[in-house]
N, C-alpha and C. Protein backbone atom coordinates (compact mmCIF):
# COMPACT_ATOMS: atom_id res chain seq x y z
N MET A 1 -87.05 38.67 46.31
CA MET A 1 -85.88 37.84 46.16
C MET A 1 -87.03 36.54 46.44
N ASN A 2 -86.72 35.38 45.73
CA ASN A 2 -87.85 34.13 45.96
C ASN A 2 -87.05 32.99 47.11
N ALA A 3 -87.44 31.96 47.48
CA ALA A 3 -86.47 31.32 48.65
C ALA A 3 -85.60 30.17 47.90
N GLU A 4 -85.55 29.91 46.45
CA GLU A 4 -84.65 29.57 45.87
C GLU A 4 -83.65 30.59 45.51
N ARG A 5 -83.58 31.56 45.25
CA ARG A 5 -82.28 32.22 45.10
C ARG A 5 -81.61 32.76 46.41
N ILE A 6 -82.54 32.89 47.76
CA ILE A 6 -81.91 32.90 49.01
C ILE A 6 -81.22 31.96 49.13
N PHE A 7 -81.69 30.92 49.27
CA PHE A 7 -81.42 29.49 49.85
C PHE A 7 -79.66 29.35 48.41
N ASN A 8 -79.70 29.58 47.42
CA ASN A 8 -78.71 29.14 46.61
C ASN A 8 -77.65 29.97 46.72
N ALA A 9 -77.99 31.08 46.97
CA ALA A 9 -77.01 32.62 47.49
C ALA A 9 -75.98 31.89 48.94
N VAL A 10 -77.17 31.74 49.77
CA VAL A 10 -76.18 31.36 51.24
C VAL A 10 -75.86 29.63 51.40
N ALA A 11 -76.12 28.78 50.26
CA ALA A 11 -75.75 27.58 50.06
C ALA A 11 -74.22 27.79 49.49
N ASP A 12 -74.10 28.93 48.40
CA ASP A 12 -73.19 28.74 47.66
C ASP A 12 -71.86 29.61 48.38
N ALA A 13 -72.25 30.41 48.87
CA ALA A 13 -71.43 31.12 49.86
C ALA A 13 -70.68 30.10 50.79
N LEU A 14 -71.64 28.60 51.70
CA LEU A 14 -71.13 28.04 52.29
C LEU A 14 -70.19 27.28 51.70
N VAL A 15 -70.75 26.72 50.39
CA VAL A 15 -69.73 25.63 49.85
C VAL A 15 -68.47 26.60 49.37
N ARG A 16 -68.39 27.42 48.89
CA ARG A 16 -67.23 28.88 48.25
C ARG A 16 -65.96 28.62 49.37
N THR A 17 -66.58 28.73 50.70
CA THR A 17 -66.10 29.28 52.01
C THR A 17 -65.26 28.23 52.52
N ASP A 18 -65.72 26.62 52.24
CA ASP A 18 -65.66 25.46 52.50
C ASP A 18 -66.36 25.04 54.26
N ALA A 19 -67.37 25.69 54.30
CA ALA A 19 -67.79 25.27 55.72
C ALA A 19 -67.79 23.86 55.89
N ASP A 20 -67.52 23.73 57.09
CA ASP A 20 -67.65 22.30 57.57
C ASP A 20 -69.19 21.86 57.42
N ASP A 21 -69.62 20.67 57.59
CA ASP A 21 -70.89 20.16 57.54
C ASP A 21 -72.10 20.30 58.74
N HIS A 22 -71.40 20.33 59.92
CA HIS A 22 -72.37 21.13 60.88
C HIS A 22 -72.82 22.22 60.57
N ILE A 23 -71.96 23.12 60.38
CA ILE A 23 -72.16 25.04 60.25
C ILE A 23 -73.11 24.87 59.01
N THR A 24 -72.84 23.99 57.66
CA THR A 24 -73.88 23.95 56.49
C THR A 24 -74.91 23.64 57.06
N THR A 25 -75.31 22.59 57.73
CA THR A 25 -76.59 22.06 57.85
C THR A 25 -77.35 23.11 58.94
N GLU A 26 -76.33 23.72 59.79
CA GLU A 26 -77.16 24.31 60.83
C GLU A 26 -77.88 25.74 60.22
N VAL A 27 -76.69 26.26 59.44
CA VAL A 27 -77.32 27.63 58.60
C VAL A 27 -78.46 27.27 57.72
N LEU A 28 -78.61 26.10 56.79
CA LEU A 28 -79.67 25.72 55.97
C LEU A 28 -80.79 25.41 56.48
N SER A 29 -80.61 24.51 57.19
CA SER A 29 -82.09 24.35 58.25
C SER A 29 -82.47 25.35 58.75
N ALA A 30 -81.94 26.08 59.46
CA ALA A 30 -82.70 27.63 59.60
C ALA A 30 -83.05 28.49 58.90
N LEU A 31 -82.47 28.35 57.44
CA LEU A 31 -82.87 29.47 56.27
C LEU A 31 -84.59 28.23 56.14
N MET A 32 -84.10 27.03 55.98
CA MET A 32 -85.20 26.54 54.91
C MET A 32 -86.17 26.23 56.26
N ASP A 33 -86.13 26.63 57.10
CA ASP A 33 -87.19 26.99 58.34
C ASP A 33 -88.01 28.25 58.10
N ARG A 34 -87.31 28.96 57.51
CA ARG A 34 -87.81 30.44 57.36
C ARG A 34 -88.38 30.43 55.91
N VAL A 35 -87.90 30.04 55.06
CA VAL A 35 -88.47 30.43 53.79
C VAL A 35 -88.93 28.92 53.17
N GLY A 36 -89.28 27.84 53.37
CA GLY A 36 -89.33 26.64 53.12
C GLY A 36 -88.22 26.14 52.40
N VAL A 37 -88.25 24.54 51.75
CA VAL A 37 -87.35 23.70 51.37
C VAL A 37 -87.82 23.95 49.86
N PRO A 38 -86.69 24.74 49.01
CA PRO A 38 -86.29 25.22 47.46
C PRO A 38 -85.98 23.86 46.88
N MET A 39 -87.65 22.94 46.37
CA MET A 39 -87.30 22.13 45.80
C MET A 39 -86.24 22.08 44.36
N MET A 40 -86.34 23.33 43.58
CA MET A 40 -85.59 23.08 42.48
C MET A 40 -84.02 23.47 42.95
N SER A 41 -83.63 23.28 43.84
CA SER A 41 -82.31 23.50 44.24
C SER A 41 -81.68 22.47 44.96
N PHE A 42 -82.87 21.33 44.29
CA PHE A 42 -82.02 19.94 45.02
C PHE A 42 -80.96 19.45 44.46
N ASP A 43 -81.06 19.41 42.73
CA ASP A 43 -80.21 18.56 42.27
C ASP A 43 -79.15 19.75 42.10
N ARG A 44 -78.84 21.03 42.26
CA ARG A 44 -78.07 21.86 42.33
C ARG A 44 -76.94 21.44 43.17
N TYR A 45 -77.29 20.79 44.44
CA TYR A 45 -76.26 20.64 45.37
C TYR A 45 -76.11 19.02 45.92
N LYS A 46 -76.46 18.15 44.71
CA LYS A 46 -76.24 17.01 44.32
C LYS A 46 -74.89 16.11 45.03
N ASP A 47 -74.06 17.24 44.62
CA ASP A 47 -72.32 16.29 44.91
C ASP A 47 -72.14 17.51 46.56
N VAL A 48 -73.24 17.91 47.20
CA VAL A 48 -72.43 18.32 48.53
C VAL A 48 -73.02 17.36 49.55
N PRO A 49 -72.38 16.10 50.11
CA PRO A 49 -73.44 15.70 50.73
C PRO A 49 -74.01 16.06 51.75
N ALA A 50 -73.83 17.11 52.58
CA ALA A 50 -74.41 17.62 53.71
C ALA A 50 -75.61 18.29 53.76
N ILE A 51 -75.66 18.89 52.25
CA ILE A 51 -76.95 19.17 51.72
C ILE A 51 -78.01 18.81 51.20
N GLU A 52 -77.36 17.59 50.45
CA GLU A 52 -77.85 16.31 49.94
C GLU A 52 -78.96 16.06 51.17
N ALA A 53 -78.25 15.41 52.43
CA ALA A 53 -78.61 14.91 53.68
C ALA A 53 -79.69 15.92 54.47
N LEU A 54 -79.32 17.59 54.22
CA LEU A 54 -80.74 17.82 54.75
C LEU A 54 -81.51 17.78 53.65
N PHE A 55 -81.77 18.00 52.39
CA PHE A 55 -82.75 18.19 51.77
C PHE A 55 -83.78 16.73 52.27
N ASN A 56 -82.66 15.61 52.23
CA ASN A 56 -83.34 14.20 52.72
C ASN A 56 -84.12 14.20 54.18
N SER A 57 -83.58 14.61 54.81
CA SER A 57 -84.45 15.29 56.28
C SER A 57 -85.09 15.95 56.18
N ARG A 58 -85.63 16.34 55.19
CA ARG A 58 -86.91 17.16 54.89
C ARG A 58 -87.92 16.71 53.88
N GLY A 59 -87.57 15.47 53.69
CA GLY A 59 -88.31 14.54 53.10
C GLY A 59 -88.16 14.66 51.03
N VAL A 60 -87.27 15.02 50.61
CA VAL A 60 -86.98 15.09 49.36
C VAL A 60 -85.69 14.18 49.35
N ARG A 61 -85.98 13.69 48.13
CA ARG A 61 -84.92 12.33 48.14
C ARG A 61 -84.75 11.94 46.37
N ARG A 62 -83.72 11.35 46.28
CA ARG A 62 -83.65 10.92 44.41
C ARG A 62 -84.44 9.89 44.31
N ALA A 63 -85.00 9.46 43.48
CA ALA A 63 -85.69 8.18 43.05
C ALA A 63 -84.82 7.15 43.12
N THR A 64 -84.99 5.77 43.73
CA THR A 64 -84.93 4.52 43.44
C THR A 64 -84.57 4.21 41.93
N PRO A 65 -83.58 3.47 41.56
CA PRO A 65 -83.74 2.77 40.38
C PRO A 65 -84.97 2.17 40.19
N GLU A 66 -85.61 1.39 40.77
CA GLU A 66 -86.67 0.72 40.51
C GLU A 66 -88.17 1.72 40.47
N GLU A 67 -88.27 2.96 41.05
CA GLU A 67 -88.97 4.15 40.71
C GLU A 67 -88.78 4.51 39.41
N ILE A 68 -87.72 4.57 38.96
CA ILE A 68 -86.97 5.17 38.24
C ILE A 68 -87.97 4.37 36.78
N VAL A 69 -88.01 3.12 36.81
CA VAL A 69 -88.00 1.86 35.63
C VAL A 69 -90.09 2.11 35.61
N ARG A 70 -90.09 2.38 37.00
CA ARG A 70 -91.92 2.29 36.79
C ARG A 70 -92.18 3.90 36.40
N GLY A 71 -91.35 4.79 36.22
CA GLY A 71 -91.52 5.97 35.68
C GLY A 71 -91.85 7.17 36.64
N GLU A 72 -91.65 6.51 38.17
CA GLU A 72 -91.56 8.00 38.98
C GLU A 72 -90.90 9.26 39.16
N ARG A 73 -90.95 10.31 39.81
CA ARG A 73 -90.68 10.98 39.59
C ARG A 73 -89.07 11.16 40.31
N GLY A 74 -88.30 12.05 40.05
CA GLY A 74 -86.76 12.05 40.59
C GLY A 74 -86.83 12.61 41.71
N ALA A 75 -86.31 14.08 42.12
CA ALA A 75 -86.94 14.66 42.88
C ALA A 75 -88.04 14.83 43.57
N ASP A 76 -88.49 14.00 44.81
CA ASP A 76 -89.65 14.01 45.41
C ASP A 76 -89.71 13.74 46.61
N ARG A 77 -90.84 13.84 47.56
CA ARG A 77 -91.41 13.84 48.73
C ARG A 77 -91.54 12.29 49.14
N ALA A 78 -91.09 12.15 50.31
CA ALA A 78 -90.92 10.20 50.67
C ALA A 78 -92.57 10.54 51.04
């Protein structure tokens, strides 16, 4: 099982059970420490503020409007 599938399964369970932001961040942060940052999962959780903030803290962010105009990638490392 790859990192993305593991991350998505855990993140989906946390979202489905309406886990609070602290628990979501703690669990997924520990998971990322073990399996890495699953870049392909970034867009999947764009509507979950705690998960997006966790990705941001790991250097994954959305492109600014200026970066988009310049043709730079969306989800990218800061």
